[in-house]
């Protein structure tokens, strides 16, 4: 890999880590997700600075072409992230359904008022 490619990888990893910190400071990203992405940044920086590490990891995994090992690990990580987000989404959908049912029961009992105006419903 050329020196220009190494510098590009270091800059991209550094900008990514800085962006995660910025999102965290702006309260746009929860800390548990920020830790996940920062951990990835911590792994990517040494790979960018010391490309021989990727060769060692590829040899350890028994892969002939080191970039293929990197792509394999990246796809595995992204699979983990997608499964985690699917689990989170399912959990939140269950919680929203439960809350909607509780609100409907409260309204049916007459405790929440007669009707809801259009301003209170963002969807319509």
N, C-alpha and C. Protein backbone atom coordinates (compact mmCIF):
# COMPACT_ATOMS: atom_id res chain seq x y z
N UNK A 1 0.85 -1.17 0.00
CA UNK A 1 0.00 0.00 0.00
C UNK A 1 0.89 1.24 0.00
N UNK A 2 0.49 2.24 -0.74
CA UNK A 2 1.31 3.43 -0.87
C UNK A 2 1.19 4.33 0.35
N UNK A 3 2.13 5.26 0.46
CA UNK A 3 2.12 6.22 1.56
C UNK A 3 0.86 7.08 1.49
N UNK A 4 0.45 7.44 0.30
CA UNK A 4 -0.76 8.26 0.12
C UNK A 4 -1.98 7.51 0.66
N UNK A 5 -2.08 6.22 0.39
CA UNK A 5 -3.21 5.42 0.89
C UNK A 5 -3.18 5.32 2.41
N UNK A 6 -1.99 5.18 3.00
CA UNK A 6 -1.87 5.13 4.46
C UNK A 6 -2.35 6.43 5.07
N UNK A 7 -1.93 7.54 4.50
CA UNK A 7 -2.34 8.84 5.03
C UNK A 7 -3.85 9.02 4.89
N UNK A 8 -4.40 8.59 3.76
CA UNK A 8 -5.85 8.68 3.56
C UNK A 8 -6.59 7.86 4.61
N UNK A 9 -6.15 6.64 4.87
CA UNK A 9 -6.79 5.80 5.88
C UNK A 9 -6.70 6.41 7.27
N UNK A 10 -5.56 6.98 7.60
CA UNK A 10 -5.39 7.61 8.92
C UNK A 10 -6.33 8.81 9.04
N UNK A 11 -6.42 9.62 7.99
CA UNK A 11 -7.30 10.79 8.01
C UNK A 11 -8.76 10.35 8.13
N UNK A 12 -9.17 9.35 7.36
CA UNK A 12 -10.55 8.87 7.41
C UNK A 12 -10.88 8.32 8.80
N UNK A 13 -9.99 7.54 9.38
CA UNK A 13 -10.23 7.00 10.72
C UNK A 13 -10.30 8.13 11.75
N UNK A 14 -9.40 9.11 11.65
CA UNK A 14 -9.41 10.24 12.58
C UNK A 14 -10.67 11.08 12.46
N UNK A 15 -11.09 11.36 11.23
CA UNK A 15 -12.31 12.14 11.02
C UNK A 15 -13.53 11.36 11.53
N UNK A 16 -13.54 10.07 11.33
CA UNK A 16 -14.66 9.25 11.81
C UNK A 16 -14.76 9.31 13.33
N UNK A 17 -13.64 9.17 14.01
CA UNK A 17 -13.64 9.22 15.48
C UNK A 17 -14.08 10.62 15.95
N UNK A 18 -13.57 11.67 15.30
CA UNK A 18 -13.96 13.04 15.67
C UNK A 18 -15.46 13.24 15.44
N UNK A 19 -15.99 12.70 14.36
CA UNK A 19 -17.43 12.84 14.07
C UNK A 19 -18.27 12.13 15.12
N UNK A 20 -17.84 10.97 15.57
CA UNK A 20 -18.56 10.25 16.63
C UNK A 20 -18.57 11.09 17.91
N UNK A 21 -17.43 11.67 18.28
CA UNK A 21 -17.39 12.53 19.45
C UNK A 21 -18.31 13.74 19.28
N UNK A 22 -18.35 14.32 18.08
CA UNK A 22 -19.22 15.47 17.84
C UNK A 22 -20.68 15.08 17.99
N UNK A 23 -21.08 13.93 17.42
CA UNK A 23 -22.46 13.45 17.57
C UNK A 23 -22.81 13.20 19.03
N UNK A 24 -21.86 12.68 19.77
CA UNK A 24 -22.08 12.41 21.18
C UNK A 24 -22.27 13.71 21.96
N UNK A 25 -21.43 14.70 21.68
CA UNK A 25 -21.54 16.00 22.37
C UNK A 25 -22.82 16.73 22.03
N UNK A 26 -23.33 16.53 20.82
CA UNK A 26 -24.58 17.17 20.38
C UNK A 26 -25.81 16.37 20.84
N UNK A 27 -25.59 15.31 21.57
CA UNK A 27 -26.67 14.41 22.04
C UNK A 27 -27.47 13.83 20.88
N UNK A 28 -26.79 13.57 19.77
CA UNK A 28 -27.42 12.96 18.61
C UNK A 28 -27.17 11.45 18.56
N UNK A 29 -26.29 10.97 19.42
CA UNK A 29 -25.92 9.56 19.44
C UNK A 29 -25.82 9.13 20.90
N UNK A 30 -26.49 8.05 21.24
CA UNK A 30 -26.43 7.55 22.61
C UNK A 30 -25.05 6.98 22.90
N UNK A 31 -24.66 7.02 24.14
CA UNK A 31 -23.31 6.62 24.52
C UNK A 31 -23.03 5.15 24.21
N UNK A 32 -24.03 4.27 24.32
CA UNK A 32 -23.76 2.86 24.06
C UNK A 32 -23.42 2.64 22.58
N UNK A 33 -24.01 3.41 21.69
CA UNK A 33 -23.67 3.29 20.27
C UNK A 33 -22.36 4.00 19.97
N UNK A 34 -22.11 5.10 20.66
CA UNK A 34 -20.85 5.81 20.47
C UNK A 34 -19.68 4.92 20.86
N UNK A 35 -19.83 4.18 21.96
CA UNK A 35 -18.76 3.26 22.38
C UNK A 35 -18.51 2.19 21.33
N UNK A 36 -19.57 1.71 20.74
CA UNK A 36 -19.43 0.70 19.69
C UNK A 36 -18.62 1.25 18.52
N UNK A 37 -18.98 2.44 18.04
CA UNK A 37 -18.30 3.02 16.88
C UNK A 37 -16.89 3.48 17.23
N UNK A 38 -16.69 3.96 18.45
CA UNK A 38 -15.34 4.35 18.86
C UNK A 38 -14.42 3.13 18.95
N UNK A 39 -14.97 2.01 19.38
CA UNK A 39 -14.17 0.78 19.42
C UNK A 39 -13.73 0.39 18.02
N UNK A 40 -14.61 0.56 17.06
CA UNK A 40 -14.24 0.28 15.67
C UNK A 40 -13.15 1.24 15.21
N UNK A 41 -13.27 2.51 15.59
CA UNK A 41 -12.23 3.48 15.24
C UNK A 41 -10.89 3.13 15.85
N UNK A 42 -10.92 2.63 17.08
CA UNK A 42 -9.68 2.24 17.75
C UNK A 42 -9.04 1.04 17.03
N UNK A 43 -9.84 0.19 16.44
CA UNK A 43 -9.31 -0.95 15.68
C UNK A 43 -8.79 -0.49 14.32
N UNK A 44 -9.48 0.46 13.70
CA UNK A 44 -9.08 0.89 12.36
C UNK A 44 -7.80 1.72 12.34
N UNK A 45 -7.57 2.52 13.36
CA UNK A 45 -6.38 3.38 13.37
C UNK A 45 -5.09 2.55 13.34
N UNK A 46 -4.94 1.53 14.18
CA UNK A 46 -3.71 0.72 14.08
C UNK A 46 -3.58 0.00 12.73
N UNK A 47 -4.71 -0.42 12.14
CA UNK A 47 -4.64 -1.06 10.83
C UNK A 47 -4.17 -0.06 9.77
N UNK A 48 -4.56 1.20 9.94
CA UNK A 48 -4.14 2.23 8.98
C UNK A 48 -2.67 2.59 9.17
N UNK A 49 -2.24 2.66 10.44
CA UNK A 49 -0.86 3.07 10.72
C UNK A 49 0.11 1.91 10.47
N UNK A 50 -0.29 0.71 10.86
CA UNK A 50 0.57 -0.46 10.73
C UNK A 50 -0.11 -1.51 9.84
N UNK A 51 0.00 -1.40 8.53
CA UNK A 51 -0.70 -2.33 7.65
C UNK A 51 -0.21 -3.77 7.77
N UNK A 52 0.97 -3.98 8.33
CA UNK A 52 1.46 -5.34 8.53
C UNK A 52 0.60 -6.13 9.50
N UNK A 53 -0.13 -5.42 10.36
CA UNK A 53 -1.04 -6.09 11.31
C UNK A 53 -2.11 -6.84 10.54
N UNK A 54 -2.64 -6.24 9.47
CA UNK A 54 -3.66 -6.91 8.67
C UNK A 54 -3.10 -8.18 8.03
N UNK A 55 -1.84 -8.13 7.60
CA UNK A 55 -1.21 -9.33 7.03
C UNK A 55 -1.12 -10.43 8.09
N UNK A 56 -0.76 -10.06 9.30
CA UNK A 56 -0.66 -11.02 10.40
C UNK A 56 -2.02 -11.63 10.71
N UNK A 57 -3.05 -10.79 10.78
CA UNK A 57 -4.40 -11.28 11.05
C UNK A 57 -4.87 -12.21 9.93
N UNK A 58 -4.58 -11.84 8.68
CA UNK A 58 -4.97 -12.68 7.54
C UNK A 58 -4.27 -14.03 7.62
N UNK A 59 -2.98 -14.03 7.96
CA UNK A 59 -2.25 -15.30 8.11
C UNK A 59 -2.85 -16.14 9.23
N UNK A 60 -3.19 -15.48 10.33
CA UNK A 60 -3.78 -16.17 11.48
C UNK A 60 -5.12 -16.80 11.12
N UNK A 61 -5.91 -16.09 10.26
CA UNK A 61 -7.20 -16.62 9.83
C UNK A 61 -7.07 -17.61 8.67
N UNK A 62 -5.89 -17.69 8.08
CA UNK A 62 -5.68 -18.60 6.96
C UNK A 62 -6.18 -18.04 5.64
N UNK A 63 -6.19 -16.71 5.52
CA UNK A 63 -6.67 -16.06 4.30
C UNK A 63 -5.46 -15.62 3.49
N UNK A 64 -5.47 -15.92 2.20
CA UNK A 64 -4.33 -15.60 1.33
C UNK A 64 -4.23 -14.11 1.00
N UNK A 65 -5.38 -13.44 0.86
CA UNK A 65 -5.41 -12.05 0.42
C UNK A 65 -5.87 -11.18 1.60
N UNK A 66 -4.98 -10.42 2.23
CA UNK A 66 -5.32 -9.66 3.45
C UNK A 66 -6.55 -8.75 3.32
N UNK A 67 -6.76 -8.02 2.22
CA UNK A 67 -7.99 -7.22 2.14
C UNK A 67 -9.26 -8.06 2.23
N UNK A 68 -9.20 -9.31 1.77
CA UNK A 68 -10.36 -10.19 1.89
C UNK A 68 -10.64 -10.50 3.35
N UNK A 69 -9.61 -10.65 4.16
CA UNK A 69 -9.80 -10.87 5.59
C UNK A 69 -10.45 -9.65 6.23
N UNK A 70 -10.00 -8.46 5.82
CA UNK A 70 -10.59 -7.23 6.34
C UNK A 70 -12.06 -7.15 5.98
N UNK A 71 -12.40 -7.44 4.72
CA UNK A 71 -13.80 -7.40 4.29
C UNK A 71 -14.63 -8.44 5.02
N UNK A 72 -14.06 -9.62 5.24
CA UNK A 72 -14.78 -10.66 5.98
C UNK A 72 -15.10 -10.18 7.40
N UNK A 73 -14.11 -9.59 8.07
CA UNK A 73 -14.34 -9.09 9.43
C UNK A 73 -15.33 -7.92 9.43
N UNK A 74 -15.25 -7.06 8.41
CA UNK A 74 -16.18 -5.93 8.33
C UNK A 74 -17.61 -6.41 8.12
N UNK A 75 -17.80 -7.38 7.24
CA UNK A 75 -19.14 -7.92 7.01
C UNK A 75 -19.66 -8.60 8.27
N UNK A 76 -18.81 -9.33 8.96
CA UNK A 76 -19.22 -9.95 10.23
C UNK A 76 -19.65 -8.92 11.25
N UNK A 77 -18.90 -7.84 11.36
CA UNK A 77 -19.25 -6.77 12.28
C UNK A 77 -20.57 -6.13 11.89
N UNK A 78 -20.74 -5.83 10.60
CA UNK A 78 -21.99 -5.21 10.15
C UNK A 78 -23.18 -6.13 10.36
N UNK A 79 -22.98 -7.43 10.22
CA UNK A 79 -24.05 -8.38 10.53
C UNK A 79 -24.44 -8.26 11.99
N UNK A 80 -23.45 -8.19 12.87
CA UNK A 80 -23.73 -8.03 14.30
C UNK A 80 -24.51 -6.74 14.56
N UNK A 81 -24.12 -5.66 13.92
CA UNK A 81 -24.80 -4.37 14.13
C UNK A 81 -26.24 -4.45 13.64
N UNK A 82 -26.48 -5.04 12.47
CA UNK A 82 -27.83 -5.14 11.94
C UNK A 82 -28.71 -6.00 12.85
N UNK A 83 -28.19 -7.11 13.34
CA UNK A 83 -28.97 -7.95 14.25
C UNK A 83 -29.28 -7.19 15.54
N UNK A 84 -28.31 -6.47 16.06
CA UNK A 84 -28.53 -5.68 17.28
C UNK A 84 -29.60 -4.61 17.05
N UNK A 85 -29.52 -3.89 15.94
CA UNK A 85 -30.51 -2.86 15.66
C UNK A 85 -31.90 -3.46 15.43
N UNK A 86 -31.96 -4.63 14.81
CA UNK A 86 -33.25 -5.30 14.63
C UNK A 86 -33.85 -5.67 15.98
N UNK A 87 -33.01 -6.14 16.89
CA UNK A 87 -33.47 -6.48 18.23
C UNK A 87 -33.98 -5.22 18.94
N UNK A 88 -33.21 -4.12 18.85
CA UNK A 88 -33.63 -2.85 19.47
C UNK A 88 -34.95 -2.38 18.89
N UNK A 89 -35.09 -2.43 17.58
CA UNK A 89 -36.32 -1.99 16.92
C UNK A 89 -37.50 -2.84 17.36
N UNK A 90 -37.33 -4.14 17.45
CA UNK A 90 -38.41 -5.02 17.90
C UNK A 90 -38.81 -4.69 19.33
N UNK A 91 -37.83 -4.46 20.17
CA UNK A 91 -38.11 -4.12 21.57
C UNK A 91 -38.87 -2.80 21.66
N UNK A 92 -38.45 -1.81 20.89
CA UNK A 92 -39.12 -0.51 20.92
C UNK A 92 -40.53 -0.57 20.33
N UNK A 93 -40.72 -1.38 19.29
CA UNK A 93 -42.06 -1.54 18.73
C UNK A 93 -43.01 -2.16 19.75
N UNK A 94 -42.52 -3.15 20.50
CA UNK A 94 -43.35 -3.74 21.55
C UNK A 94 -43.71 -2.70 22.61
N UNK A 95 -42.74 -1.89 22.97
CA UNK A 95 -42.98 -0.87 24.00
C UNK A 95 -43.97 0.18 23.50
N UNK A 96 -43.85 0.61 22.26
CA UNK A 96 -44.78 1.59 21.68
C UNK A 96 -46.19 1.01 21.63
N UNK A 97 -46.31 -0.26 21.22
CA UNK A 97 -47.62 -0.90 21.17
C UNK A 97 -48.25 -0.94 22.56
N UNK A 98 -47.47 -1.29 23.57
CA UNK A 98 -47.98 -1.34 24.93
C UNK A 98 -48.43 0.04 25.39
N UNK A 99 -47.62 1.05 25.12
CA UNK A 99 -47.98 2.41 25.51
C UNK A 99 -49.24 2.90 24.78
N UNK A 100 -49.37 2.57 23.50
CA UNK A 100 -50.55 2.97 22.74
C UNK A 100 -51.81 2.30 23.31
N UNK A 101 -51.68 1.03 23.70
CA UNK A 101 -52.81 0.35 24.30
C UNK A 101 -53.19 0.97 25.64
N UNK A 102 -52.18 1.34 26.44
CA UNK A 102 -52.46 1.98 27.73
C UNK A 102 -53.15 3.32 27.53
N UNK A 103 -52.72 4.11 26.56
CA UNK A 103 -53.35 5.40 26.27
C UNK A 103 -54.78 5.18 25.80
N UNK A 104 -55.00 4.19 24.95
CA UNK A 104 -56.35 3.91 24.47
C UNK A 104 -57.27 3.52 25.62
N UNK A 105 -56.77 2.72 26.55
CA UNK A 105 -57.58 2.34 27.71
C UNK A 105 -57.89 3.55 28.58
N UNK A 106 -56.91 4.42 28.78
CA UNK A 106 -57.16 5.63 29.58
C UNK A 106 -58.20 6.53 28.92
N UNK A 107 -58.12 6.67 27.60
CA UNK A 107 -59.10 7.49 26.88
C UNK A 107 -60.48 6.86 26.94
N UNK A 108 -60.53 5.54 26.85
CA UNK A 108 -61.81 4.85 26.92
C UNK A 108 -62.47 5.03 28.28
N UNK A 109 -61.66 5.15 29.32
CA UNK A 109 -62.19 5.36 30.66
C UNK A 109 -62.60 6.81 30.87
N UNK A 110 -62.23 7.69 29.94
CA UNK A 110 -62.62 9.09 30.04
C UNK A 110 -61.62 9.94 30.79
N UNK A 111 -60.48 9.41 31.14
CA UNK A 111 -59.51 10.16 31.93
C UNK A 111 -58.60 11.06 31.12
N UNK A 112 -58.55 10.90 29.81
CA UNK A 112 -57.60 11.67 29.00
C UNK A 112 -58.26 12.75 28.16
N UNK A 113 -59.55 12.97 28.30
CA UNK A 113 -60.21 14.00 27.50
C UNK A 113 -61.03 13.37 26.39
N UNK A 114 -61.84 14.19 25.76
CA UNK A 114 -62.77 13.69 24.76
C UNK A 114 -62.12 13.31 23.45
N UNK A 115 -61.29 14.20 22.92
CA UNK A 115 -60.66 13.88 21.63
C UNK A 115 -59.29 14.53 21.56
N UNK A 116 -58.56 14.15 20.57
CA UNK A 116 -57.21 14.67 20.37
C UNK A 116 -57.24 15.50 19.10
N UNK A 117 -56.63 16.68 19.15
CA UNK A 117 -56.61 17.53 17.96
C UNK A 117 -55.59 17.03 16.96
N UNK A 118 -55.67 17.55 15.73
CA UNK A 118 -54.74 17.14 14.68
C UNK A 118 -53.31 17.57 15.00
N UNK A 119 -53.13 18.61 15.83
CA UNK A 119 -51.79 19.08 16.19
C UNK A 119 -51.03 18.06 17.02
N UNK A 120 -51.74 17.22 17.73
CA UNK A 120 -51.10 16.24 18.59
C UNK A 120 -50.69 14.97 17.85
N UNK A 121 -51.15 14.80 16.61
CA UNK A 121 -50.80 13.64 15.81
C UNK A 121 -49.89 14.07 14.68
N UNK A 122 -48.59 13.78 14.75
CA UNK A 122 -47.67 14.19 13.69
C UNK A 122 -47.95 13.52 12.36
N UNK A 123 -48.59 12.34 12.38
CA UNK A 123 -48.79 11.64 11.12
C UNK A 123 -50.02 12.10 10.38
N UNK A 124 -50.82 12.96 10.94
CA UNK A 124 -51.91 13.33 10.11
C UNK A 124 -52.88 14.27 10.62
